Amino acid sequence: MMNGKTLIIINAIIIFYILQRVSEMIISSSNEKWLKIHNGAAEVNSKESLIMNFFHISWFIALIIESNFIHELQPSKVSALLCAVLGACLVVRFYTMTKLKQFW
């Protein structure tokens, strides 16, 4: 069972990732429009985008349910390792976005 402070921290992390993902989707949509206008890009399969959006939303819903209703936590060493991996992935993600610019 987790205490209130832990639950607040977990929910803050989830909210951070939701806001980050929404901002990335806005940037991606802007980049898509730019690519279509300036490079003649075309979407090959719009169903894939819908499926990906569905899985993103489902993943965030699952995170919220797990943290707020199931109340299961990993041991602290595992949690620390997972946070470190997540942080490293964020760095790679931001680096990739900056390098690709409008092509991301």
PDB file of N, CA and C in Angstrom:
ATOM      1  N   MET A   1       0.841  -1.186   0.000  1.00  0.00           N
ATOM      2  CA  MET A   1       0.000   0.000   0.000  1.00  0.00           C
ATOM      3  C   MET A   1       0.882   1.243   0.000  1.00  0.00           C
ATOM      4  N   MET A   2       0.515   2.232  -0.780  1.00  0.00           N
ATOM      5  CA  MET A   2       1.332   3.434  -0.862  1.00  0.00           C
ATOM      6  C   MET A   2       0.706   4.565  -0.056  1.00  0.00           C
ATOM      7  N   ASN A   3       1.558   5.460   0.411  1.00  0.00           N
ATOM      8  CA  ASN A   3       1.052   6.598   1.174  1.00  0.00           C
ATOM      9  C   ASN A   3       0.642   7.728   0.232  1.00  0.00           C
ATOM     10  N   GLY A   4       0.023   8.765   0.794  1.00  0.00           N
ATOM     11  CA  GLY A   4      -0.485   9.875  -0.013  1.00  0.00           C
ATOM     12  C   GLY A   4       0.594  10.622  -0.768  1.00  0.00           C
ATOM     13  N   LYS A   5       1.762  10.803  -0.132  1.00  0.00           N
ATOM     14  CA  LYS A   5       2.861  11.524  -0.783  1.00  0.00           C
ATOM     15  C   LYS A   5       3.356  10.768  -2.018  1.00  0.00           C
ATOM     16  N   THR A   6       3.481   9.460  -1.894  1.00  0.00           N
ATOM     17  CA  THR A   6       3.925   8.636  -3.024  1.00  0.00           C
ATOM     18  C   THR A   6       2.919   8.707  -4.162  1.00  0.00           C
ATOM     19  N   LEU A   7       1.639   8.660  -3.830  1.00  0.00           N
ATOM     20  CA  LEU A   7       0.588   8.727  -4.847  1.00  0.00           C
ATOM     21  C   LEU A   7       0.620  10.074  -5.571  1.00  0.00           C
ATOM     22  N   ILE A   8       0.863  11.146  -4.840  1.00  0.00           N
ATOM     23  CA  ILE A   8       0.953  12.470  -5.463  1.00  0.00           C
ATOM     24  C   ILE A   8       2.137  12.522  -6.425  1.00  0.00           C
ATOM     25  N   ILE A   9       3.280  11.976  -6.013  1.00  0.00           N
ATOM     26  CA  ILE A   9       4.465  11.966  -6.877  1.00  0.00           C
ATOM     27  C   ILE A   9       4.212  11.150  -8.139  1.00  0.00           C
ATOM     28  N   ILE A  10       3.621   9.984  -7.976  1.00  0.00           N
ATOM     29  CA  ILE A  10       3.337   9.122  -9.135  1.00  0.00           C
ATOM     30  C   ILE A  10       2.380   9.822 -10.091  1.00  0.00           C
ATOM     31  N   ASN A  11       1.317  10.433  -9.552  1.00  0.00           N
ATOM     32  CA  ASN A  11       0.363  11.139 -10.416  1.00  0.00           C
ATOM     33  C   ASN A  11       0.996  12.352 -11.085  1.00  0.00           C
ATOM     34  N   ALA A  12       1.914  13.033 -10.400  1.00  0.00           N
ATOM     35  CA  ALA A  12       2.618  14.166 -11.011  1.00  0.00           C
ATOM     36  C   ALA A  12       3.462  13.695 -12.193  1.00  0.00           C
ATOM     37  N   ILE A  13       4.120  12.545 -12.033  1.00  0.00           N
ATOM     38  CA  ILE A  13       4.914  11.986 -13.134  1.00  0.00           C
ATOM     39  C   ILE A  13       4.015  11.624 -14.310  1.00  0.00           C
ATOM     40  N   ILE A  14       2.881  11.012 -14.018  1.00  0.00           N
ATOM     41  CA  ILE A  14       1.942  10.642 -15.085  1.00  0.00           C
ATOM     42  C   ILE A  14       1.438  11.896 -15.799  1.00  0.00           C
ATOM     43  N   ILE A  15       1.066  12.918 -15.045  1.00  0.00           N
ATOM     44  CA  ILE A  15       0.586  14.168 -15.650  1.00  0.00           C
ATOM     45  C   ILE A  15       1.679  14.803 -16.503  1.00  0.00           C
ATOM     46  N   PHE A  16       2.916  14.781 -16.003  1.00  0.00           N
ATOM     47  CA  PHE A  16       4.043  15.304 -16.779  1.00  0.00           C
ATOM     48  C   PHE A  16       4.131  14.595 -18.128  1.00  0.00           C
ATOM     49  N   TYR A  17       4.046  13.260 -18.122  1.00  0.00           N
ATOM     50  CA  TYR A  17       4.163  12.514 -19.373  1.00  0.00           C
ATOM     51  C   TYR A  17       2.970  12.723 -20.285  1.00  0.00           C
ATOM     52  N   ILE A  18       1.788  12.911 -19.715  1.00  0.00           N
ATOM     53  CA  ILE A  18       0.619  13.206 -20.545  1.00  0.00           C
ATOM     54  C   ILE A  18       0.804  14.561 -21.226  1.00  0.00           C
ATOM     55  N   LEU A  19       1.209  15.568 -20.461  1.00  0.00           N
ATOM     56  CA  LEU A  19       1.428  16.899 -21.036  1.00  0.00           C
ATOM     57  C   LEU A  19       2.556  16.881 -22.070  1.00  0.00           C
ATOM     58  N   GLN A  20       3.593  16.129 -21.781  1.00  0.00           N
ATOM     59  CA  GLN A  20       4.700  16.014 -22.729  1.00  0.00           C
ATOM     60  C   GLN A  20       4.209  15.372 -24.020  1.00  0.00           C
ATOM     61  N   ARG A  21       3.448  14.306 -23.912  1.00  0.00           N
ATOM     62  CA  ARG A  21       2.968  13.597 -25.100  1.00  0.00           C
ATOM     63  C   ARG A  21       2.023  14.472 -25.914  1.00  0.00           C
ATOM     64  N   VAL A  22       1.144  15.219 -25.234  1.00  0.00           N
ATOM     65  CA  VAL A  22       0.234  16.121 -25.940  1.00  0.00           C
ATOM     66  C   VAL A  22       1.028  17.191 -26.683  1.00  0.00           C
ATOM     67  N   SER A  23       2.054  17.757 -26.032  1.00  0.00           N
ATOM     68  CA  SER A  23       2.873  18.774 -26.707  1.00  0.00           C
ATOM     69  C   SER A  23       3.612  18.166 -27.900  1.00  0.00           C
ATOM     70  N   GLU A  24       4.085  16.930 -27.764  1.00  0.00           N
ATOM     71  CA  GLU A  24       4.754  16.268 -28.884  1.00  0.00           C
ATOM     72  C   GLU A  24       3.783  16.028 -30.035  1.00  0.00           C
ATOM     73  N   MET A  25       2.542  15.699 -29.718  1.00  0.00           N
ATOM     74  CA  MET A  25       1.549  15.476 -30.765  1.00  0.00           C
ATOM     75  C   MET A  25       1.239  16.780 -31.505  1.00  0.00           C
ATOM     76  N   ILE A  26       1.229  17.901 -30.777  1.00  0.00           N
ATOM     77  CA  ILE A  26       1.005  19.210 -31.409  1.00  0.00           C
ATOM     78  C   ILE A  26       2.170  19.537 -32.345  1.00  0.00           C
ATOM     79  N   ILE A  27       3.389  19.328 -31.870  1.00  0.00           N
ATOM     80  CA  ILE A  27       4.574  19.569 -32.703  1.00  0.00           C
ATOM     81  C   ILE A  27       4.558  18.654 -33.918  1.00  0.00           C
ATOM     82  N   SER A  28       4.246  17.387 -33.700  1.00  0.00           N
ATOM     83  CA  SER A  28       4.210  16.415 -34.795  1.00  0.00           C
ATOM     84  C   SER A  28       3.164  16.800 -35.839  1.00  0.00           C
ATOM     85  N   SER A  29       2.008  17.254 -35.393  1.00  0.00           N
ATOM     86  CA  SER A  29       0.956  17.670 -36.318  1.00  0.00           C
ATOM     87  C   SER A  29       1.406  18.876 -37.143  1.00  0.00           C
ATOM     88  N   SER A  30       2.073  19.806 -36.485  1.00  0.00           N
ATOM     89  CA  SER A  30       2.606  20.980 -37.183  1.00  0.00           C
ATOM     90  C   SER A  30       3.658  20.555 -38.214  1.00  0.00           C
ATOM     91  N   ASN A  31       4.531  19.646 -37.807  1.00  0.00           N
ATOM     92  CA  ASN A  31       5.559  19.144 -38.730  1.00  0.00           C
ATOM     93  C   ASN A  31       4.934  18.411 -39.914  1.00  0.00           C
ATOM     94  N   GLU A  32       3.875  17.651 -39.636  1.00  0.00           N
ATOM     95  CA  GLU A  32       3.191  16.925 -40.711  1.00  0.00           C
ATOM     96  C   GLU A  32       2.625  17.898 -41.740  1.00  0.00           C
ATOM     97  N   LYS A  33       1.991  18.955 -41.263  1.00  0.00           N
ATOM     98  CA  LYS A  33       1.447  19.971 -42.179  1.00  0.00           C
ATOM     99  C   LYS A  33       2.564  20.602 -42.998  1.00  0.00           C
ATOM    100  N   TRP A  34       3.687  20.930 -42.346  1.00  0.00           N
ATOM    101  CA  TRP A  34       4.827  21.529 -43.038  1.00  0.00           C
ATOM    102  C   TRP A  34       5.347  20.590 -44.124  1.00  0.00           C
ATOM    103  N   LEU A  35       5.478  19.296 -43.776  1.00  0.00           N
ATOM    104  CA  LEU A  35       5.974  18.320 -44.750  1.00  0.00           C
ATOM    105  C   LEU A  35       5.031  18.191 -45.947  1.00  0.00           C
ATOM    106  N   LYS A  36       3.737  18.218 -45.685  1.00  0.00           N
ATOM    107  CA  LYS A  36       2.772  18.099 -46.782  1.00  0.00           C
ATOM    108  C   LYS A  36       2.833  19.311 -47.707  1.00  0.00           C
ATOM    109  N   ILE A  37       2.980  20.495 -47.121  1.00  0.00           N
ATOM    110  CA  ILE A  37       3.009  21.725 -47.921  1.00  0.00           C
ATOM    111  C   ILE A  37       4.332  21.885 -48.678  1.00  0.00           C
ATOM    112  N   HIS A  38       5.442  21.697 -47.988  1.00  0.00           N
ATOM    113  CA  HIS A  38       6.757  22.013 -48.577  1.00  0.00           C
ATOM    114  C   HIS A  38       7.443  20.831 -49.266  1.00  0.00           C
ATOM    115  N   ASN A  39       7.066  19.616 -48.930  1.00  0.00           N
ATOM    116  CA  ASN A  39       7.760  18.456 -49.506  1.00  0.00           C
ATOM    117  C   ASN A  39       6.822  17.483 -50.203  1.00  0.00           C
ATOM    118  N   GLY A  40       5.556  17.816 -50.275  1.00  0.00           N
ATOM    119  CA  GLY A  40       4.604  16.940 -50.952  1.00  0.00           C
ATOM    120  C   GLY A  40       4.393  15.601 -50.257  1.00  0.00           C
ATOM    121  N   ALA A  41       4.619  15.569 -48.948  1.00  0.00           N
ATOM    122  CA  ALA A  41       4.448  14.318 -48.196  1.00  0.00           C
ATOM    123  C   ALA A  41       2.978  13.907 -48.178  1.00  0.00           C
ATOM    124  N   ALA A  42       2.746  12.610 -48.060  1.00  0.00           N
ATOM    125  CA  ALA A  42       1.385  12.083 -47.989  1.00  0.00           C
ATOM    126  C   ALA A  42       1.342  10.960 -46.959  1.00  0.00           C
ATOM    127  N   GLU A  43       0.238  10.901 -46.236  1.00  0.00           N
ATOM    128  CA  GLU A  43       0.061   9.828 -45.256  1.00  0.00           C
ATOM    129  C   GLU A  43      -0.313   8.551 -45.997  1.00  0.00           C
ATOM    130  N   VAL A  44       0.382   7.476 -45.675  1.00  0.00           N
ATOM    131  CA  VAL A  44       0.164   6.221 -46.389  1.00  0.00           C
ATOM    132  C   VAL A  44      -1.036   5.467 -45.818  1.00  0.00           C
ATOM    133  N   ASN A  45      -1.120   5.373 -44.498  1.00  0.00           N
ATOM    134  CA  ASN A  45      -2.192   4.595 -43.887  1.00  0.00           C
ATOM    135  C   ASN A  45      -2.675   5.313 -42.632  1.00  0.00           C
ATOM    136  N   SER A  46      -3.805   6.005 -42.737  1.00  0.00           N
ATOM    137  CA  SER A  46      -4.316   6.782 -41.604  1.00  0.00           C
ATOM    138  C   SER A  46      -4.794   5.889 -40.459  1.00  0.00           C
ATOM    139  N   LYS A  47      -5.126   4.633 -40.751  1.00  0.00           N
ATOM    140  CA  LYS A  47      -5.560   3.715 -39.689  1.00  0.00           C
ATOM    141  C   LYS A  47      -4.442   3.453 -38.684  1.00  0.00           C
ATOM    142  N   GLU A  48      -3.210   3.439 -39.163  1.00  0.00           N
ATOM    143  CA  GLU A  48      -2.082   3.218 -38.257  1.00  0.00           C
ATOM    144  C   GLU A  48      -1.977   4.333 -37.222  1.00  0.00           C
ATOM    145  N   SER A  49      -2.211   5.566 -37.643  1.00  0.00           N
ATOM    146  CA  SER A  49      -2.177   6.694 -36.707  1.00  0.00           C
ATOM    147  C   SER A  49      -3.281   6.566 -35.668  1.00  0.00           C
ATOM    148  N   LEU A  50      -4.453   6.172 -36.100  1.00  0.00           N
ATOM    149  CA  LEU A  50      -5.566   5.990 -35.162  1.00  0.00           C
ATOM    150  C   LEU A  50      -5.273   4.878 -34.157  1.00  0.00           C
ATOM    151  N   ILE A  51      -4.710   3.791 -34.642  1.00  0.00           N
ATOM    152  CA  ILE A  51      -4.371   2.676 -33.755  1.00  0.00           C
ATOM    153  C   ILE A  51      -3.306   3.097 -32.748  1.00  0.00           C
ATOM    154  N   MET A  52      -2.293   3.838 -33.207  1.00  0.00           N
ATOM    155  CA  MET A  52      -1.237   4.304 -32.317  1.00  0.00           C
ATOM    156  C   MET A  52      -1.801   5.250 -31.261  1.00  0.00           C
ATOM    157  N   ASN A  53      -2.689   6.156 -31.667  1.00  0.00           N
ATOM    158  CA  ASN A  53      -3.325   7.053 -30.703  1.00  0.00           C
ATOM    159  C   ASN A  53      -4.138   6.270 -29.673  1.00  0.00           C
ATOM    160  N   PHE A  54      -4.851   5.263 -30.115  1.00  0.00           N
ATOM    161  CA  PHE A  54      -5.629   4.422 -29.208  1.00  0.00           C
ATOM    162  C   PHE A  54      -4.724   3.764 -28.167  1.00  0.00           C
ATOM    163  N   PHE A  55      -3.596   3.232 -28.602  1.00  0.00           N
ATOM    164  CA  PHE A  55      -2.685   2.574 -27.665  1.00  0.00           C
ATOM    165  C   PHE A  55      -2.028   3.569 -26.710  1.00  0.00           C
ATOM    166  N   HIS A  56      -1.716   4.765 -27.190  1.00  0.00           N
ATOM    167  CA  HIS A  56      -1.156   5.787 -26.296  1.00  0.00           C
ATOM    168  C   HIS A  56      -2.163   6.136 -25.199  1.00  0.00           C
ATOM    169  N   ILE A  57      -3.390   6.400 -25.590  1.00  0.00           N
ATOM    170  CA  ILE A  57      -4.427   6.755 -24.624  1.00  0.00           C
ATOM    171  C   ILE A  57      -4.677   5.603 -23.662  1.00  0.00           C
ATOM    172  N   SER A  58      -4.733   4.385 -24.180  1.00  0.00           N
ATOM    173  CA  SER A  58      -4.951   3.206 -23.331  1.00  0.00           C
ATOM    174  C   SER A  58      -3.825   3.035 -22.320  1.00  0.00           C
ATOM    175  N   TRP A  59      -2.595   3.298 -22.732  1.00  0.00           N
ATOM    176  CA  TRP A  59      -1.454   3.150 -21.832  1.00  0.00           C
ATOM    177  C   TRP A  59      -1.554   4.138 -20.679  1.00  0.00           C
ATOM    178  N   PHE A  60      -1.914   5.386 -20.984  1.00  0.00           N
ATOM    179  CA  PHE A  60      -2.046   6.385 -19.917  1.00  0.00           C
ATOM    180  C   PHE A  60      -3.211   6.054 -18.984  1.00  0.00           C
ATOM    181  N   ILE A  61      -4.308   5.567 -19.535  1.00  0.00           N
ATOM    182  CA  ILE A  61      -5.435   5.155 -18.688  1.00  0.00           C
ATOM    183  C   ILE A  61      -5.008   4.016 -17.772  1.00  0.00           C
ATOM    184  N   ALA A  62      -4.261   3.059 -18.307  1.00  0.00           N
ATOM    185  CA  ALA A  62      -3.772   1.939 -17.492  1.00  0.00           C
ATOM    186  C   ALA A  62      -2.845   2.427 -16.379  1.00  0.00           C
ATOM    187  N   LEU A  63      -1.982   3.390 -16.670  1.00  0.00           N
ATOM    188  CA  LEU A  63      -1.105   3.955 -15.638  1.00  0.00           C
ATOM    189  C   LEU A  63      -1.913   4.588 -14.517  1.00  0.00           C
ATOM    190  N   ILE A  64      -2.923   5.356 -14.887  1.00  0.00           N
ATOM    191  CA  ILE A  64      -3.758   6.025 -13.886  1.00  0.00           C
ATOM    192  C   ILE A  64      -4.509   5.006 -13.037  1.00  0.00           C
ATOM    193  N   ILE A  65      -5.072   3.989 -13.675  1.00  0.00           N
ATOM    194  CA  ILE A  65      -5.803   2.954 -12.932  1.00  0.00           C
ATOM    195  C   ILE A  65      -4.870   2.205 -11.992  1.00  0.00           C
ATOM    196  N   GLU A  66      -3.717   1.807 -12.508  1.00  0.00           N
ATOM    197  CA  GLU A  66      -2.780   1.039 -11.686  1.00  0.00           C
ATOM    198  C   GLU A  66      -2.306   1.835 -10.478  1.00  0.00           C
ATOM    199  N   SER A  67      -1.971   3.095 -10.678  1.00  0.00           N
ATOM    200  CA  SER A  67      -1.431   3.880  -9.557  1.00  0.00           C
ATOM    201  C   SER A  67      -2.505   4.295  -8.561  1.00  0.00           C
ATOM    202  N   ASN A  68      -3.713   4.568  -9.032  1.00  0.00           N
ATOM    203  CA  ASN A  68      -4.739   5.102  -8.138  1.00  0.00           C
ATOM    204  C   ASN A  68      -5.700   4.060  -7.568  1.00  0.00           C
ATOM    205  N   PHE A  69      -5.786   2.905  -8.180  1.00  0.00           N
ATOM    206  CA  PHE A  69      -6.751   1.918  -7.703  1.00  0.00           C
ATOM    207  C   PHE A  69      -6.121   0.602  -7.274  1.00  0.00           C
ATOM    208  N   ILE A  70      -5.077   0.167  -7.937  1.00  0.00           N
ATOM    209  CA  ILE A  70      -4.449  -1.107  -7.596  1.00  0.00           C
ATOM    210  C   ILE A  70      -3.410  -0.926  -6.491  1.00  0.00           C
ATOM    211  N   HIS A  71      -2.751   0.210  -6.473  1.00  0.00           N
ATOM    212  CA  HIS A  71      -1.784   0.573  -5.427  1.00  0.00           C
ATOM    213  C   HIS A  71      -0.631  -0.415  -5.277  1.00  0.00           C
ATOM    214  N   GLU A  72      -0.158  -0.957  -6.364  1.00  0.00           N
ATOM    215  CA  GLU A  72       1.011  -1.836  -6.291  1.00  0.00           C
ATOM    216  C   GLU A  72       2.247  -1.050  -6.692  1.00  0.00           C
ATOM    217  N   LEU A  73       3.281  -1.193  -5.906  1.00  0.00           N
ATOM    218  CA  LEU A  73       4.542  -0.531  -6.207  1.00  0.00           C
ATOM    219  C   LEU A  73       5.642  -1.561  -6.389  1.00  0.00           C
ATOM    220  N   GLN A  74       6.595  -1.221  -7.223  1.00  0.00           N
ATOM    221  CA  GLN A  74       7.791  -2.038  -7.363  1.00  0.00           C
ATOM    222  C   GLN A  74       8.698  -1.755  -6.170  1.00  0.00           C
ATOM    223  N   PRO A  75       9.589  -2.668  -5.853  1.00  0.00           N
ATOM    224  CA  PRO A  75      10.582  -2.361  -4.807  1.00  0.00           C
ATOM    225  C   PRO A  75      11.355  -1.103  -5.187  1.00  0.00           C
ATOM    226  N   SER A  76      11.840  -0.362  -4.195  1.00  0.00           N
ATOM    227  CA  SER A  76      12.450   0.942  -4.461  1.00  0.00           C
ATOM    228  C   SER A  76      13.646   0.874  -5.415  1.00  0.00           C
ATOM    229  N   LYS A  77      14.455  -0.190  -5.344  1.00  0.00           N
ATOM    230  CA  LYS A  77      15.603  -0.310  -6.258  1.00  0.00           C
ATOM    231  C   LYS A  77      15.131  -0.483  -7.703  1.00  0.00           C
ATOM    232  N   VAL A  78      14.078  -1.267  -7.885  1.00  0.00           N
ATOM    233  CA  VAL A  78      13.524  -1.468  -9.235  1.00  0.00           C
ATOM    234  C   VAL A  78      12.934  -0.155  -9.733  1.00  0.00           C
ATOM    235  N   SER A  79      12.206   0.552  -8.867  1.00  0.00           N
ATOM    236  CA  SER A  79      11.616   1.842  -9.248  1.00  0.00           C
ATOM    237  C   SER A  79      12.691   2.842  -9.644  1.00  0.00           C
ATOM    238  N   ALA A  80      13.777   2.887  -8.886  1.00  0.00           N
ATOM    239  CA  ALA A  80      14.872   3.807  -9.196  1.00  0.00           C
ATOM    240  C   ALA A  80      15.489   3.464 -10.547  1.00  0.00           C
ATOM    241  N   LEU A  81      15.685   2.184 -10.815  1.00  0.00           N
ATOM    242  CA  LEU A  81      16.239   1.759 -12.100  1.00  0.00           C
ATOM    243  C   LEU A  81      15.294   2.133 -13.240  1.00  0.00           C
ATOM    244  N   LEU A  82      14.005   1.891 -13.055  1.00  0.00           N
ATOM    245  CA  LEU A  82      13.033   2.223 -14.091  1.00  0.00           C
ATOM    246  C   LEU A  82      12.981   3.730 -14.344  1.00  0.00           C
ATOM    247  N   CYS A  83      13.071   4.526 -13.288  1.00  0.00           N
ATOM    248  CA  CYS A  83      13.096   5.989 -13.455  1.00  0.00           C
ATOM    249  C   CYS A  83      14.348   6.424 -14.218  1.00  0.00           C
ATOM    250  N   ALA A  84      15.472   5.793 -13.938  1.00  0.00           N
ATOM    251  CA  ALA A  84      16.715   6.126 -14.645  1.00  0.00           C
ATOM    252  C   ALA A  84      16.603   5.779 -16.128  1.00  0.00           C
ATOM    253  N   VAL A  85      16.035   4.622 -16.433  1.00  0.00           N
ATOM    254  CA  VAL A  85      15.845   4.215 -17.835  1.00  0.00           C
ATOM    255  C   VAL A  85      14.885   5.178 -18.526  1.00  0.00           C
ATOM    256  N   LEU A  86      13.802   5.523 -17.846  1.00  0.00           N
ATOM    257  CA  LEU A  86      12.829   6.465 -18.404  1.00  0.00           C
ATOM    258  C   LEU A  86      13.474   7.817 -18.673  1.00  0.00           C
ATOM    259  N   GLY A  87      14.300   8.277 -17.749  1.00  0.00           N
ATOM    260  CA  GLY A  87      15.006   9.541 -17.931  1.00  0.00           C
ATOM    261  C   GLY A  87      15.952   9.489 -19.121  1.00  0.00           C
ATOM    262  N   ALA A  88      16.675   8.385 -19.259  1.00  0.00           N
ATOM    263  CA  ALA A  88      17.590   8.222 -20.395  1.00  0.00           C
ATOM    264  C   ALA A  88      16.811   8.215 -21.714  1.00  0.00           C
ATOM    265  N   CYS A  89      15.670   7.564 -21.719  1.00  0.00           N
ATOM    266  CA  CYS A  89      14.834   7.532 -22.921  1.00  0.00           C
ATOM    267  C   CYS A  89      14.340   8.933 -23.285  1.00  0.00           C
ATOM    268  N   LEU A  90      14.012   9.723 -22.274  1.00  0.00           N
ATOM    269  CA  LEU A  90      13.596  11.106 -22.528  1.00  0.00           C
ATOM    270  C   LEU A  90      14.698  11.911 -23.187  1.00  0.00           C
ATOM    271  N   VAL A  91      15.916  11.744 -22.702  1.00  0.00           N
ATOM    272  CA  VAL A  91      17.053  12.464 -23.275  1.00  0.00           C
ATOM    273  C   VAL A  91      17.222  12.082 -24.749  1.00  0.00           C
ATOM    274  N   VAL A  92      17.169  10.798 -25.052  1.00  0.00           N
ATOM    275  CA  VAL A  92      17.298  10.327 -26.438  1.00  0.00           C
ATOM    276  C   VAL A  92      16.146  10.868 -27.282  1.00  0.00           C
ATOM    277  N   ARG A  93      14.945  10.871 -26.732  1.00  0.00           N
ATOM    278  CA  ARG A  93      13.764  11.354 -27.452  1.00  0.00           C
ATOM    279  C   ARG A  93      13.909  12.835 -27.794  1.00  0.00           C
ATOM    280  N   PHE A  94      14.285  13.664 -26.807  1.00  0.00           N
ATOM    281  CA  PHE A  94      14.461  15.095 -27.054  1.00  0.00           C
ATOM    282  C   PHE A  94      15.602  15.356 -28.036  1.00  0.00           C
ATOM    283  N   TYR A  95      16.689  14.605 -27.915  1.00  0.00           N
ATOM    284  CA  TYR A  95      17.818  14.744 -28.830  1.00  0.00           C
ATOM    285  C   TYR A  95      17.356  14.449 -30.261  1.00  0.00           C
ATOM    286  N   THR A  96      16.605  13.372 -30.420  1.00  0.00           N
ATOM    287  CA  THR A  96      16.108  12.982 -31.748  1.00  0.00           C
ATOM    288  C   THR A  96      15.204  14.063 -32.326  1.00  0.00           C
ATOM    289  N   MET A  97      14.318  14.587 -31.495  1.00  0.00           N
ATOM    290  CA  MET A  97      13.401  15.631 -31.968  1.00  0.00           C
ATOM    291  C   MET A  97      14.163  16.877 -32.427  1.00  0.00           C
ATOM    292  N   THR A  98      15.192  17.259 -31.678  1.00  0.00           N
ATOM    293  CA  THR A  98      15.968  18.445 -32.052  1.00  0.00           C
ATOM    294  C   THR A  98      16.773  18.234 -33.319  1.00  0.00           C
ATOM    295  N   LYS A  99      17.289  17.045 -33.498  1.00  0.00           N
ATOM    296  CA  LYS A  99      18.085  16.758 -34.706  1.00  0.00           C
ATOM    297  C   LYS A  99      17.204  16.669 -35.956  1.00  0.00           C
ATOM    298  N   LEU A 100      16.034  16.047 -35.828  1.00  0.00           N
ATOM    299  CA  LEU A 100      15.179  15.867 -36.990  1.00  0.00           C
ATOM    300  C   LEU A 100      14.392  17.123 -37.355  1.00  0.00           C
ATOM    301  N   LYS A 101      14.178  18.009 -36.402  1.00  0.00           N
ATOM    302  CA  LYS A 101      13.426  19.255 -36.597  1.00  0.00           C
ATOM    303  C   LYS A 101      12.074  18.984 -37.266  1.00  0.00           C
ATOM    304  N   GLN A 102      11.801  19.604 -38.416  1.00  0.00           N
ATOM    305  CA  GLN A 102      10.489  19.441 -39.065  1.00  0.00           C
ATOM    306  C   GLN A 102      10.259  18.032 -39.602  1.00  0.00           C
ATOM    307  N   PHE A 103      11.294  17.231 -39.706  1.00  0.00           N
ATOM    308  CA  PHE A 103      11.123  15.876 -40.256  1.00  0.00           C
ATOM    309  C   PHE A 103      10.727  14.875 -39.187  1.00  0.00           C
ATOM    310  N   TRP A 104      10.617  15.350 -37.941  1.00  0.00           N
ATOM    311  CA  TRP A 104      10.159  14.473 -36.858  1.00  0.00           C
ATOM    312  C   TRP A 104       8.657  14.511 -36.799  1.00  0.00           C
TER     313      TRP A 104
END
